[in-house]
N, C-alpha and C. Protein backbone atom coordinates (compact mmCIF):
# COMPACT_ATOMS: atom_id res chain seq x y z
N MET A 1 20.55 -60.55 -65.91
CA MET A 1 21.45 -60.90 -66.65
C MET A 1 22.03 -62.07 -66.49
N LYS A 2 21.95 -63.21 -67.40
CA LYS A 2 22.85 -64.14 -67.30
C LYS A 2 24.53 -64.05 -67.14
N ASN A 3 24.61 -65.01 -66.60
CA ASN A 3 26.43 -64.94 -66.09
C ASN A 3 26.63 -65.82 -67.28
N ASN A 4 27.65 -65.01 -68.09
CA ASN A 4 28.43 -65.93 -68.84
C ASN A 4 30.20 -66.74 -68.55
N PHE A 5 29.59 -67.58 -67.77
CA PHE A 5 30.84 -68.20 -67.55
C PHE A 5 31.84 -69.34 -68.21
N GLU A 6 30.91 -69.14 -69.15
CA GLU A 6 32.01 -69.81 -70.08
C GLU A 6 32.98 -68.76 -70.71
N ASN A 7 32.41 -67.25 -70.77
CA ASN A 7 33.71 -66.16 -70.76
C ASN A 7 34.82 -66.40 -69.70
N THR A 8 34.03 -66.32 -68.68
CA THR A 8 35.05 -65.98 -67.51
C THR A 8 36.25 -67.37 -67.55
N PHE A 9 36.17 -68.20 -68.06
CA PHE A 9 36.75 -69.34 -68.32
C PHE A 9 37.50 -69.25 -69.16
N LEU A 10 37.20 -68.44 -70.72
CA LEU A 10 37.97 -68.22 -71.43
C LEU A 10 38.88 -66.91 -71.32
N LYS A 11 38.70 -66.35 -70.67
CA LYS A 11 39.49 -65.09 -69.94
C LYS A 11 40.46 -65.68 -68.82
N LEU A 12 39.79 -66.54 -68.57
CA LEU A 12 40.99 -67.02 -67.19
C LEU A 12 42.31 -67.87 -67.74
N SER A 13 41.53 -68.93 -68.85
CA SER A 13 42.95 -69.26 -70.09
C SER A 13 43.91 -68.65 -70.70
N ILE A 14 43.12 -67.86 -70.71
CA ILE A 14 43.77 -66.68 -71.66
C ILE A 14 44.92 -66.57 -70.98
N HIS A 15 44.91 -65.95 -69.53
CA HIS A 15 45.39 -65.23 -69.10
C HIS A 15 46.54 -66.00 -68.54
N TYR A 16 46.67 -67.34 -67.78
CA TYR A 16 47.29 -68.56 -67.51
C TYR A 16 48.13 -68.59 -68.30
N ASN A 17 47.83 -68.91 -69.83
CA ASN A 17 48.11 -69.07 -70.53
C ASN A 17 49.52 -67.82 -71.49
N LYS A 18 49.31 -66.77 -70.67
CA LYS A 18 50.36 -66.16 -70.85
C LYS A 18 51.20 -65.96 -69.66
N LEU A 19 51.11 -66.35 -68.77
CA LEU A 19 51.94 -66.51 -67.57
C LEU A 19 52.35 -67.76 -67.86
N PHE A 20 52.27 -68.36 -68.65
CA PHE A 20 53.03 -69.97 -68.69
C PHE A 20 54.36 -69.30 -69.80
N ASP A 21 53.43 -68.60 -70.48
CA ASP A 21 54.78 -68.43 -71.65
C ASP A 21 55.70 -67.48 -71.38
N LYS A 22 55.67 -67.02 -69.91
CA LYS A 22 56.08 -65.95 -69.30
C LYS A 22 57.40 -66.96 -68.64
N TYR A 23 56.57 -67.28 -67.85
CA TYR A 23 57.22 -67.71 -66.43
C TYR A 23 57.89 -69.15 -66.99
N GLY A 24 57.06 -69.81 -67.78
CA GLY A 24 57.15 -71.59 -67.98
C GLY A 24 57.07 -72.48 -66.57
N ASN A 25 58.51 -73.39 -66.07
CA ASN A 25 57.69 -74.34 -65.03
C ASN A 25 58.05 -73.38 -63.67
N SER A 26 57.11 -72.66 -62.98
CA SER A 26 57.28 -71.42 -62.17
C SER A 26 56.14 -71.48 -61.46
N VAL A 27 57.07 -71.14 -59.93
CA VAL A 27 55.42 -70.55 -59.13
C VAL A 27 54.63 -69.54 -59.66
N LYS A 28 55.31 -68.67 -60.45
CA LYS A 28 54.80 -67.54 -61.11
C LYS A 28 53.99 -68.04 -61.97
N SER A 29 53.80 -68.98 -63.01
CA SER A 29 53.05 -69.22 -63.96
C SER A 29 51.73 -69.22 -63.22
N SER A 30 51.12 -69.55 -61.88
CA SER A 30 50.39 -70.21 -61.10
C SER A 30 49.68 -68.98 -60.35
N GLN A 31 50.28 -67.99 -60.79
CA GLN A 31 50.51 -66.27 -59.94
C GLN A 31 51.13 -66.55 -58.44
N GLN A 32 51.82 -67.42 -58.09
CA GLN A 32 51.95 -67.15 -56.76
C GLN A 32 53.14 -66.43 -56.64
N SER A 33 53.74 -66.08 -55.16
CA SER A 33 55.05 -65.05 -55.47
C SER A 33 56.17 -65.64 -54.86
N SER A 34 56.09 -66.79 -54.52
CA SER A 34 57.21 -67.89 -54.31
C SER A 34 56.93 -69.50 -53.84
N ARG A 35 57.95 -70.22 -54.13
CA ARG A 35 57.87 -71.11 -53.57
C ARG A 35 57.20 -71.61 -52.29
N ALA A 36 57.59 -71.03 -51.01
CA ALA A 36 57.87 -70.88 -49.75
C ALA A 36 56.12 -70.76 -49.34
N THR A 37 55.87 -69.45 -49.79
CA THR A 37 54.05 -69.44 -49.85
C THR A 37 53.45 -70.36 -50.13
N GLN A 38 53.53 -70.66 -51.77
CA GLN A 38 53.17 -71.93 -51.87
C GLN A 38 52.60 -73.02 -51.24
N ILE A 39 54.00 -73.45 -51.01
CA ILE A 39 54.35 -74.20 -50.01
C ILE A 39 53.66 -74.14 -48.70
N LYS A 40 53.62 -73.11 -48.43
CA LYS A 40 52.99 -72.97 -46.70
C LYS A 40 51.20 -72.98 -47.24
N ARG A 41 50.79 -72.53 -48.18
CA ARG A 41 49.41 -72.84 -48.56
C ARG A 41 49.04 -74.47 -48.58
N MET A 42 49.65 -75.05 -48.95
CA MET A 42 49.37 -76.28 -49.73
C MET A 42 49.59 -77.13 -47.84
N LYS A 43 50.70 -76.64 -47.13
CA LYS A 43 50.22 -77.13 -45.89
C LYS A 43 48.95 -76.95 -45.04
N ILE A 44 48.63 -75.81 -45.01
CA ILE A 44 47.11 -75.29 -44.81
C ILE A 44 46.13 -75.90 -45.18
N LEU A 45 46.08 -76.20 -46.54
CA LEU A 45 44.97 -77.12 -47.39
C LEU A 45 44.93 -78.68 -46.95
N THR A 46 46.07 -79.10 -46.48
CA THR A 46 46.35 -80.91 -46.15
C THR A 46 46.00 -80.97 -44.75
N LYS A 47 46.41 -79.97 -43.89
CA LYS A 47 46.55 -80.11 -42.78
C LYS A 47 45.59 -81.25 -41.74
N ASP A 48 46.16 -82.24 -41.17
CA ASP A 48 46.04 -83.34 -40.14
C ASP A 48 44.78 -84.03 -41.21
N ILE A 49 45.06 -84.20 -42.64
CA ILE A 49 45.23 -85.16 -43.43
C ILE A 49 45.75 -85.98 -43.69
N ILE A 50 45.45 -87.58 -43.05
CA ILE A 50 46.24 -88.66 -43.35
C ILE A 50 45.61 -89.33 -44.83
N PHE A 51 46.43 -89.61 -45.25
CA PHE A 51 45.64 -89.99 -47.06
C PHE A 51 46.14 -91.55 -46.74
N LYS A 52 45.19 -92.51 -47.34
CA LYS A 52 45.00 -93.78 -47.18
C LYS A 52 45.59 -94.13 -48.63
N ARG A 53 45.97 -94.79 -49.09
CA ARG A 53 46.59 -95.97 -49.94
C ARG A 53 45.70 -95.32 -51.52
N ASP A 54 44.45 -96.03 -51.09
CA ASP A 54 43.64 -95.91 -52.59
C ASP A 54 42.76 -94.76 -52.38
N ASP A 55 43.25 -93.63 -52.16
CA ASP A 55 42.45 -92.27 -51.90
C ASP A 55 42.77 -91.45 -53.37
N LYS A 56 41.95 -91.25 -53.72
CA LYS A 56 41.99 -90.09 -55.10
C LYS A 56 42.00 -88.64 -54.41
N VAL A 57 42.77 -88.38 -55.22
CA VAL A 57 42.94 -86.31 -54.97
C VAL A 57 42.27 -85.87 -56.77
N PHE A 58 41.86 -84.84 -56.39
CA PHE A 58 41.62 -83.18 -57.92
C PHE A 58 41.81 -82.01 -57.33
N ASP A 59 42.98 -81.79 -58.04
CA ASP A 59 43.30 -80.30 -57.94
C ASP A 59 42.86 -79.62 -58.74
N PHE A 60 41.77 -78.99 -58.76
CA PHE A 60 41.51 -77.73 -60.09
C PHE A 60 42.25 -76.16 -59.11
N GLY A 61 42.28 -76.27 -60.47
CA GLY A 61 43.37 -75.29 -61.04
C GLY A 61 44.84 -75.65 -60.83
N CYS A 62 45.20 -76.83 -61.24
CA CYS A 62 46.27 -77.51 -60.11
C CYS A 62 47.90 -77.06 -60.92
N GLY A 63 47.85 -75.97 -62.08
CA GLY A 63 48.68 -75.33 -62.74
C GLY A 63 49.66 -76.24 -63.32
N THR A 64 50.99 -76.16 -62.70
CA THR A 64 52.39 -76.86 -63.12
C THR A 64 52.42 -78.23 -62.31
N GLY A 65 51.02 -78.59 -61.22
CA GLY A 65 51.00 -79.76 -60.79
C GLY A 65 51.96 -80.06 -59.37
N TYR A 66 53.07 -78.98 -58.94
CA TYR A 66 53.03 -79.13 -57.82
C TYR A 66 52.34 -79.65 -56.50
N LEU A 67 51.12 -79.52 -56.56
CA LEU A 67 51.00 -80.26 -55.56
C LEU A 67 51.07 -81.64 -55.39
N PHE A 68 51.08 -82.28 -56.47
CA PHE A 68 51.30 -83.76 -56.57
C PHE A 68 52.49 -84.12 -56.03
N ASN A 69 53.83 -83.31 -56.56
CA ASN A 69 55.16 -83.59 -55.26
C ASN A 69 55.24 -83.02 -54.35
N PHE A 70 54.38 -82.16 -54.00
CA PHE A 70 54.15 -82.06 -52.22
C PHE A 70 53.44 -82.77 -51.70
N LEU A 71 52.46 -83.36 -52.17
CA LEU A 71 51.98 -84.66 -51.25
C LEU A 71 52.70 -85.74 -51.44
N LYS A 72 53.26 -86.34 -52.47
CA LYS A 72 54.53 -87.15 -52.61
C LYS A 72 55.80 -87.03 -51.25
N LYS A 73 56.44 -85.85 -51.09
CA LYS A 73 57.41 -85.55 -50.20
C LYS A 73 56.63 -85.52 -49.29
N LYS A 74 56.20 -84.76 -48.84
CA LYS A 74 55.21 -84.35 -47.33
C LYS A 74 54.31 -84.91 -46.99
N LYS A 75 53.40 -85.71 -47.55
CA LYS A 75 52.42 -85.97 -46.94
C LYS A 75 52.58 -87.64 -47.39
N LYS A 76 53.24 -88.27 -47.76
CA LYS A 76 53.64 -89.59 -48.08
C LYS A 76 52.54 -90.24 -48.66
N PHE A 77 52.04 -89.38 -50.00
CA PHE A 77 50.51 -89.58 -51.06
C PHE A 77 51.24 -91.11 -52.10
N ASN A 78 50.62 -91.84 -52.16
CA ASN A 78 50.90 -92.82 -52.79
C ASN A 78 49.46 -93.66 -53.72
N GLY A 79 48.57 -92.58 -53.67
CA GLY A 79 47.00 -92.74 -54.24
C GLY A 79 47.54 -92.50 -55.86
N ILE A 80 45.72 -91.93 -55.71
CA ILE A 80 45.70 -91.41 -57.65
C ILE A 80 45.38 -89.77 -57.66
N TYR A 81 45.74 -89.06 -58.04
CA TYR A 81 46.32 -87.69 -58.22
C TYR A 81 45.79 -87.51 -59.76
N HIS A 82 44.44 -86.28 -59.65
CA HIS A 82 43.95 -85.92 -61.14
C HIS A 82 44.28 -84.16 -61.12
N GLY A 83 44.98 -83.68 -62.23
CA GLY A 83 44.55 -82.64 -62.12
C GLY A 83 44.33 -81.42 -63.09
N CYS A 84 43.66 -80.56 -62.68
CA CYS A 84 42.87 -79.74 -63.71
C CYS A 84 43.10 -78.56 -63.91
N ASP A 85 43.34 -78.08 -65.23
CA ASP A 85 43.41 -76.66 -65.21
C ASP A 85 42.93 -76.25 -66.76
N ILE A 86 42.49 -74.75 -66.76
CA ILE A 86 42.11 -74.48 -68.03
C ILE A 86 42.74 -73.57 -68.85
N SER A 87 44.39 -73.74 -68.97
CA SER A 87 45.52 -73.60 -69.49
C SER A 87 45.55 -74.85 -70.04
N GLU A 88 45.65 -74.74 -71.42
CA GLU A 88 45.84 -75.89 -72.09
C GLU A 88 47.29 -76.04 -72.47
N LYS A 89 47.88 -74.76 -72.32
CA LYS A 89 49.44 -75.05 -72.38
C LYS A 89 50.06 -75.59 -71.24
N ILE A 90 49.42 -75.10 -69.98
CA ILE A 90 50.36 -75.74 -68.43
C ILE A 90 49.91 -77.04 -68.74
N ILE A 91 48.58 -77.90 -69.26
CA ILE A 91 48.39 -79.10 -69.12
C ILE A 91 48.94 -79.87 -70.44
N SER A 92 49.42 -79.59 -71.32
CA SER A 92 50.44 -79.85 -72.47
C SER A 92 51.61 -79.85 -71.71
N TYR A 93 51.94 -79.28 -71.57
CA TYR A 93 53.54 -79.35 -70.28
C TYR A 93 53.63 -80.41 -69.18
N ASN A 94 52.31 -79.93 -68.32
CA ASN A 94 52.40 -81.40 -67.26
C ASN A 94 52.06 -82.70 -68.05
N LEU A 95 51.74 -82.93 -69.03
CA LEU A 95 51.54 -84.25 -70.11
C LEU A 95 52.97 -84.53 -70.36
N THR A 96 53.71 -83.69 -70.51
CA THR A 96 55.11 -84.37 -70.82
C THR A 96 55.81 -84.33 -70.00
N LYS A 97 55.73 -83.83 -68.66
CA LYS A 97 56.40 -83.59 -67.53
C LYS A 97 56.77 -85.44 -66.53
N PHE A 98 55.18 -85.53 -66.07
CA PHE A 98 54.56 -86.57 -65.48
C PHE A 98 54.29 -87.88 -66.31
N LYS A 99 54.92 -88.64 -65.44
CA LYS A 99 55.26 -90.10 -66.47
C LYS A 99 54.33 -90.88 -65.38
N SER A 100 53.18 -91.27 -64.96
CA SER A 100 52.34 -92.14 -63.73
C SER A 100 51.33 -92.21 -64.15
N SER A 101 51.08 -93.96 -64.28
CA SER A 101 49.50 -94.60 -64.47
C SER A 101 48.72 -94.01 -63.11
N ARG A 102 49.29 -93.37 -62.17
CA ARG A 102 48.48 -92.92 -61.32
C ARG A 102 48.07 -91.25 -61.23
N VAL A 103 48.73 -90.55 -62.19
CA VAL A 103 48.52 -89.36 -62.30
C VAL A 103 47.85 -89.16 -63.84
N LEU A 104 46.75 -87.70 -63.90
CA LEU A 104 45.99 -87.57 -64.98
C LEU A 104 46.20 -86.09 -64.92
N PHE A 105 45.77 -85.58 -65.55
CA PHE A 105 45.49 -84.02 -66.27
C PHE A 105 44.71 -83.96 -67.13
N LEU A 106 43.85 -83.02 -66.89
CA LEU A 106 42.85 -82.68 -67.65
C LEU A 106 42.57 -81.19 -67.99
N ASN A 107 42.39 -80.49 -69.39
CA ASN A 107 41.94 -79.37 -69.46
C ASN A 107 40.57 -79.49 -70.05
N GLN A 108 39.78 -78.54 -69.41
CA GLN A 108 38.32 -79.09 -68.80
C GLN A 108 37.96 -77.79 -68.14
N ASN A 109 36.15 -77.52 -68.87
CA ASN A 109 35.65 -76.39 -68.05
C ASN A 109 34.64 -77.17 -67.33
N ILE A 110 34.72 -77.49 -65.99
CA ILE A 110 33.59 -78.59 -65.68
C ILE A 110 32.31 -78.16 -65.91
N LEU A 111 32.04 -76.87 -65.77
CA LEU A 111 30.59 -76.64 -65.87
C LEU A 111 30.04 -76.99 -67.46
N LYS A 112 30.80 -77.59 -68.03
CA LYS A 112 30.64 -77.47 -69.29
C LYS A 112 30.58 -79.43 -69.75
N LYS A 113 31.56 -79.59 -68.95
CA LYS A 113 31.60 -81.32 -68.95
C LYS A 113 31.82 -81.66 -67.55
N LYS A 114 31.05 -82.40 -67.17
CA LYS A 114 30.92 -83.01 -65.91
C LYS A 114 31.85 -83.90 -65.99
N LEU A 115 32.77 -83.89 -64.15
CA LEU A 115 33.47 -85.32 -63.65
C LEU A 115 32.52 -86.33 -63.61
N ASN A 116 33.47 -87.55 -64.03
CA ASN A 116 33.09 -88.71 -64.13
C ASN A 116 33.88 -89.46 -63.06
N VAL A 117 34.60 -88.94 -61.60
CA VAL A 117 35.52 -89.78 -61.35
C VAL A 117 34.51 -88.70 -59.46
N LYS A 118 34.90 -89.90 -58.32
CA LYS A 118 34.45 -89.04 -57.07
C LYS A 118 35.91 -89.30 -56.42
N TYR A 119 36.01 -88.36 -56.11
CA TYR A 119 37.12 -88.05 -55.08
C TYR A 119 37.27 -87.78 -53.85
N ASP A 120 37.92 -88.74 -53.47
CA ASP A 120 38.33 -88.71 -51.77
C ASP A 120 38.40 -86.89 -51.50
N TYR A 121 39.31 -86.29 -51.78
CA TYR A 121 39.90 -84.94 -51.57
C TYR A 121 40.22 -84.19 -52.83
N ILE A 122 39.31 -83.22 -52.57
CA ILE A 122 39.39 -81.61 -53.79
C ILE A 122 40.01 -80.74 -53.25
N PHE A 123 41.19 -80.22 -53.98
CA PHE A 123 41.63 -79.11 -53.21
C PHE A 123 41.90 -78.13 -54.46
N ILE A 124 41.47 -76.54 -53.89
CA ILE A 124 41.68 -75.64 -54.76
C ILE A 124 42.31 -74.36 -54.02
N ASN A 125 43.60 -74.08 -54.55
CA ASN A 125 45.01 -73.19 -54.40
C ASN A 125 44.92 -72.17 -55.10
N GLY A 126 44.00 -70.80 -54.71
CA GLY A 126 44.87 -69.95 -55.33
C GLY A 126 44.12 -69.40 -56.77
N THR A 127 42.87 -70.36 -57.13
CA THR A 127 41.94 -70.50 -57.81
C THR A 127 40.77 -69.69 -58.39
N PHE A 128 40.21 -69.03 -56.88
CA PHE A 128 39.26 -68.00 -56.93
C PHE A 128 39.92 -66.63 -57.24
N ASN A 129 40.94 -66.11 -57.05
CA ASN A 129 41.74 -65.17 -56.70
C ASN A 129 41.29 -63.69 -57.75
N ASN A 130 41.53 -63.98 -59.23
CA ASN A 130 41.45 -63.04 -59.95
C ASN A 130 40.06 -62.43 -60.11
N TYR A 131 40.17 -60.80 -60.28
CA TYR A 131 38.93 -60.74 -60.15
C TYR A 131 38.12 -60.90 -61.56
N THR A 132 36.93 -61.34 -61.71
CA THR A 132 36.31 -61.66 -63.20
C THR A 132 35.24 -61.07 -63.13
N GLY A 133 34.35 -59.99 -62.34
CA GLY A 133 33.05 -59.34 -62.41
C GLY A 133 32.17 -60.06 -62.07
N ASN A 134 31.99 -61.36 -61.69
CA ASN A 134 30.93 -62.28 -61.35
C ASN A 134 31.54 -63.61 -60.67
N ASN A 135 32.72 -63.11 -59.86
CA ASN A 135 33.62 -64.15 -58.92
C ASN A 135 32.52 -64.77 -57.92
N MET A 136 31.33 -64.49 -57.22
CA MET A 136 30.80 -65.03 -56.43
C MET A 136 29.64 -65.92 -57.03
N GLN A 137 29.36 -65.57 -57.78
CA GLN A 137 27.99 -66.57 -58.79
C GLN A 137 29.08 -67.11 -59.10
N TRP A 138 30.29 -66.96 -60.10
CA TRP A 138 30.84 -68.28 -60.88
C TRP A 138 31.82 -69.11 -59.82
N MET A 139 31.97 -68.61 -58.14
CA MET A 139 32.70 -69.46 -57.76
C MET A 139 31.80 -70.63 -56.97
N LYS A 140 30.35 -70.09 -56.70
CA LYS A 140 29.38 -70.92 -56.11
C LYS A 140 29.15 -71.71 -57.32
N LYS A 141 29.29 -71.87 -58.48
CA LYS A 141 28.86 -72.70 -59.54
C LYS A 141 29.97 -73.59 -59.43
N VAL A 142 31.05 -72.93 -59.22
CA VAL A 142 31.96 -74.80 -59.63
C VAL A 142 31.85 -75.03 -58.27
N LEU A 143 31.82 -74.57 -56.94
CA LEU A 143 31.62 -75.28 -55.70
C LEU A 143 30.52 -76.30 -55.49
N SER A 144 29.70 -76.33 -56.04
CA SER A 144 28.31 -76.35 -56.39
C SER A 144 28.29 -77.81 -57.07
N LYS A 145 29.34 -78.03 -58.11
CA LYS A 145 29.76 -79.32 -58.98
C LYS A 145 30.45 -79.94 -58.26
N LEU A 146 31.51 -79.13 -57.69
CA LEU A 146 32.69 -80.23 -57.23
C LEU A 146 32.20 -80.96 -55.99
N ILE A 147 31.33 -80.41 -54.66
CA ILE A 147 31.03 -80.93 -53.98
C ILE A 147 29.94 -82.38 -54.20
N LEU A 148 29.67 -81.98 -55.86
CA LEU A 148 29.29 -83.51 -56.15
C LEU A 148 29.78 -84.50 -56.05
N ASN A 149 31.21 -84.22 -56.60
CA ASN A 149 32.10 -85.02 -56.94
C ASN A 149 33.32 -85.75 -55.43
N THR A 150 32.66 -85.06 -54.58
CA THR A 150 33.34 -84.82 -53.48
C THR A 150 33.09 -86.35 -51.95
N LYS A 151 33.86 -87.25 -51.98
CA LYS A 151 33.79 -88.38 -50.78
C LYS A 151 34.16 -87.72 -49.33
N LYS A 152 35.05 -87.29 -49.09
CA LYS A 152 35.31 -86.66 -47.79
C LYS A 152 35.66 -85.26 -48.40
N LYS A 153 36.51 -84.92 -48.51
CA LYS A 153 36.37 -83.51 -48.02
C LYS A 153 36.84 -81.92 -49.45
N LEU A 154 36.05 -80.83 -49.77
CA LEU A 154 36.30 -80.21 -50.40
C LEU A 154 37.27 -78.51 -49.65
N ILE A 155 37.94 -78.82 -49.90
CA ILE A 155 38.76 -77.69 -49.29
C ILE A 155 39.70 -76.72 -50.25
N PHE A 156 39.35 -75.40 -49.72
CA PHE A 156 39.62 -74.36 -50.39
C PHE A 156 40.14 -72.75 -50.43
N ASN A 157 41.01 -71.85 -51.01
CA ASN A 157 40.95 -70.67 -50.39
C ASN A 157 40.75 -69.35 -50.98
N ASN A 158 40.65 -68.53 -50.20
CA ASN A 158 40.68 -67.93 -50.90
C ASN A 158 41.05 -66.18 -50.28
N LEU A 159 41.50 -64.96 -51.00
CA LEU A 159 41.76 -63.53 -50.55
C LEU A 159 40.60 -63.49 -49.73
N SER A 160 41.05 -62.83 -48.46
CA SER A 160 39.93 -62.17 -47.84
C SER A 160 39.57 -60.63 -47.65
N ARG A 161 38.74 -59.85 -47.32
CA ARG A 161 37.93 -58.80 -48.04
C ARG A 161 38.70 -57.86 -46.27
N TYR A 162 38.73 -58.81 -45.44
CA TYR A 162 39.40 -58.04 -43.97
C TYR A 162 41.14 -58.26 -44.16
N VAL A 163 41.54 -57.10 -45.25
CA VAL A 163 42.78 -56.56 -45.21
C VAL A 163 42.94 -55.49 -45.37
N ASP A 164 44.03 -54.39 -45.53
CA ASP A 164 44.31 -52.90 -45.00
C ASP A 164 45.34 -52.91 -46.58
N TYR A 165 44.49 -53.64 -47.65
CA TYR A 165 45.13 -53.02 -49.06
C TYR A 165 44.76 -54.06 -50.11
N LYS A 166 44.14 -53.59 -50.92
CA LYS A 166 43.46 -54.35 -52.09
C LYS A 166 43.97 -54.11 -53.54
N ASP A 167 44.25 -55.25 -54.40
CA ASP A 167 44.61 -54.61 -55.61
C ASP A 167 43.59 -54.96 -56.58
N ASN A 168 42.87 -53.73 -57.43
CA ASN A 168 41.81 -54.03 -58.33
C ASN A 168 41.95 -54.88 -59.20
N LYS A 169 42.60 -55.77 -59.31
CA LYS A 169 42.87 -57.02 -60.40
C LYS A 169 42.40 -58.34 -59.54
N LEU A 170 42.28 -58.42 -58.25
CA LEU A 170 42.27 -59.52 -57.18
C LEU A 170 40.58 -59.15 -56.83
N PHE A 171 40.18 -60.77 -56.50
CA PHE A 171 39.01 -60.78 -55.92
C PHE A 171 39.23 -60.95 -54.16
N TYR A 172 38.36 -59.95 -53.46
CA TYR A 172 38.84 -60.21 -52.12
C TYR A 172 37.10 -61.26 -51.53
N ALA A 173 37.28 -62.08 -50.81
CA ALA A 173 35.62 -62.71 -50.79
C ALA A 173 35.84 -62.52 -49.13
N ASP A 174 34.06 -61.85 -48.88
CA ASP A 174 33.56 -62.13 -47.37
C ASP A 174 33.53 -63.68 -46.77
N PRO A 175 34.49 -63.57 -45.75
CA PRO A 175 34.51 -65.09 -45.22
C PRO A 175 32.72 -65.36 -45.17
N LEU A 176 32.22 -64.45 -44.22
CA LEU A 176 30.72 -65.04 -43.64
C LEU A 176 30.22 -65.33 -44.51
N GLU A 177 30.41 -64.64 -45.72
CA GLU A 177 29.05 -65.06 -46.69
C GLU A 177 29.54 -66.54 -47.73
N ILE A 178 31.03 -66.37 -47.50
CA ILE A 178 31.40 -68.37 -48.00
C ILE A 178 31.06 -69.38 -47.04
N PHE A 179 31.01 -68.80 -45.84
CA PHE A 179 30.76 -70.22 -44.24
C PHE A 179 29.25 -70.14 -45.05
N ASP A 180 28.27 -68.91 -45.09
CA ASP A 180 26.82 -69.18 -45.08
C ASP A 180 26.42 -70.12 -46.35
N PHE A 181 27.06 -69.53 -47.28
CA PHE A 181 27.07 -70.22 -48.70
C PHE A 181 26.98 -71.97 -48.42
N CYS A 182 28.35 -72.09 -47.83
CA CYS A 182 28.65 -73.42 -47.88
C CYS A 182 27.76 -74.50 -46.95
N LYS A 183 27.79 -73.78 -45.60
CA LYS A 183 26.78 -74.19 -44.16
C LYS A 183 25.11 -74.65 -44.96
N ARG A 184 24.85 -73.86 -45.97
CA ARG A 184 23.60 -73.93 -46.11
C ARG A 184 23.34 -74.29 -47.49
N LYS A 185 24.52 -74.78 -48.60
CA LYS A 185 23.97 -75.36 -49.95
C LYS A 185 24.86 -76.81 -50.22
N LEU A 186 26.17 -76.80 -49.31
CA LEU A 186 26.95 -77.51 -49.43
C LEU A 186 27.10 -79.19 -48.56
N SER A 187 27.00 -78.57 -47.30
CA SER A 187 27.21 -79.52 -46.50
C SER A 187 26.90 -78.88 -44.97
N LYS A 188 26.33 -79.53 -43.94
CA LYS A 188 26.60 -78.97 -42.52
C LYS A 188 27.69 -79.19 -41.94
N ASN A 189 28.83 -79.85 -42.63
CA ASN A 189 30.33 -79.78 -41.85
C ASN A 189 30.93 -79.13 -42.74
N VAL A 190 31.32 -77.71 -41.96
CA VAL A 190 31.89 -76.60 -42.86
C VAL A 190 32.89 -75.94 -41.52
N SER A 191 34.31 -75.59 -42.12
CA SER A 191 34.87 -74.84 -40.86
C SER A 191 36.03 -73.97 -41.86
N ILE A 192 36.22 -72.67 -41.08
CA ILE A 192 36.96 -71.65 -41.96
C ILE A 192 38.24 -71.59 -40.51
N ASN A 193 39.26 -71.56 -41.72
CA ASN A 193 40.62 -71.19 -41.12
C ASN A 193 40.69 -69.50 -41.51
N HIS A 194 40.89 -68.53 -40.50
CA HIS A 194 41.17 -67.64 -40.88
C HIS A 194 42.22 -66.85 -40.02
N GLY A 195 42.86 -67.77 -39.49
CA GLY A 195 44.13 -67.37 -38.20
C GLY A 195 45.64 -67.34 -38.19
N TYR A 196 45.58 -67.79 -39.76
CA TYR A 196 47.52 -68.02 -40.56
C TYR A 196 47.81 -66.82 -41.14
N CYS A 197 49.20 -66.83 -40.96
CA CYS A 197 49.73 -66.07 -41.46
C CYS A 197 50.72 -66.41 -42.58
N ILE A 198 50.73 -66.20 -44.33
CA ILE A 198 51.47 -66.49 -45.03
C ILE A 198 52.48 -65.93 -45.34
N LYS A 199 52.87 -64.64 -44.62
CA LYS A 199 54.00 -64.14 -44.86
C LYS A 199 54.54 -63.56 -43.31
N LYS A 200 55.31 -63.77 -43.61
CA LYS A 200 55.88 -62.74 -41.92
C LYS A 200 55.72 -61.39 -41.63
N GLY A 201 54.99 -61.30 -40.60
CA GLY A 201 54.99 -59.84 -40.46
C GLY A 201 54.02 -59.00 -41.13
N VAL A 202 53.14 -59.57 -42.30
CA VAL A 202 51.70 -59.58 -42.60
C VAL A 202 50.24 -59.94 -42.25
N ILE A 203 49.44 -59.12 -41.76
CA ILE A 203 48.14 -59.66 -41.07
C ILE A 203 47.48 -61.02 -41.83
N PRO A 204 46.81 -61.73 -41.96
CA PRO A 204 45.94 -62.61 -42.17
C PRO A 204 45.74 -62.46 -43.55
N TYR A 205 45.59 -62.13 -44.72
CA TYR A 205 45.29 -61.67 -45.82
C TYR A 205 44.12 -62.64 -46.66
N GLU A 206 44.15 -63.94 -45.95
CA GLU A 206 43.50 -65.00 -46.92
C GLU A 206 43.29 -65.92 -45.91
N PHE A 207 41.80 -66.74 -46.40
CA PHE A 207 41.42 -68.00 -45.70
C PHE A 207 40.76 -69.00 -46.13
N THR A 208 40.87 -70.33 -45.56
CA THR A 208 41.20 -71.57 -45.96
C THR A 208 39.90 -72.05 -45.30
N THR A 209 38.91 -72.81 -46.24
CA THR A 209 37.29 -73.14 -46.10
C THR A 209 37.35 -74.90 -46.09
N THR A 210 36.92 -75.33 -45.54
CA THR A 210 36.89 -77.03 -45.57
C THR A 210 35.55 -77.43 -44.94
N VAL A 211 34.91 -78.10 -46.86
CA VAL A 211 33.92 -78.58 -46.18
C VAL A 211 34.02 -79.90 -46.51
N SER A 212 33.19 -81.19 -45.09
CA SER A 212 33.11 -81.95 -45.22
C SER A 212 31.88 -82.59 -45.25
N LYS A 213 32.30 -84.02 -46.07
CA LYS A 213 31.29 -84.60 -46.47
C LYS A 213 30.66 -85.77 -45.19
N PHE A 214 31.45 -85.67 -44.19
CA PHE A 214 31.44 -86.70 -43.15
C PHE A 214 31.57 -86.09 -41.80
N SER A 215 30.95 -86.88 -41.14
CA SER A 215 31.19 -86.13 -39.41
C SER A 215 32.92 -87.03 -38.71
N GLU A 216 33.44 -86.24 -37.86
CA GLU A 216 34.95 -86.32 -37.63
C GLU A 216 35.14 -86.29 -36.10
């Protein structure tokens, strides 16, 4: 049976449009529990990266664009930032909020319309967490597309199957399967961080994968 990825994008678009209608410019419109946990994830995603002035960043599943503010404040980022989200309401809001020639927002299904820009770093934060029924197939397809536009690193996070509680609305990935796919299909240079805690006193329930296009 052929996977209907267009239907997956449509369902997620409707879901995040509803969240934005309810919460507006809030971490909850991106399905994050708090600003503190959102920032913790961004610190993990950008760990050890020293950005150059001409670096281009792509934020896939950008929500209200908080990563751009984080990069400017915490990482002294002064490069080009492009954010992409499937919620047209969120992107419309971002276009009124951000006024900079170095910032661009896209409402685009990258499986239907390819990206025309090569990015130094591509970040994906929480985008793969909703249960869709075809999560692994959809995620692998997206990653296979995005790696073609990656010059340095593609970095993304997932909820882990190694947890003591699961919500049936969420998708919990197998880190071993993710590593094997990335290593075999995307790059020989892959690392996984499954040793950090997002919330104090709670076991690590997610992990971050870094796919590098060069040797360090």
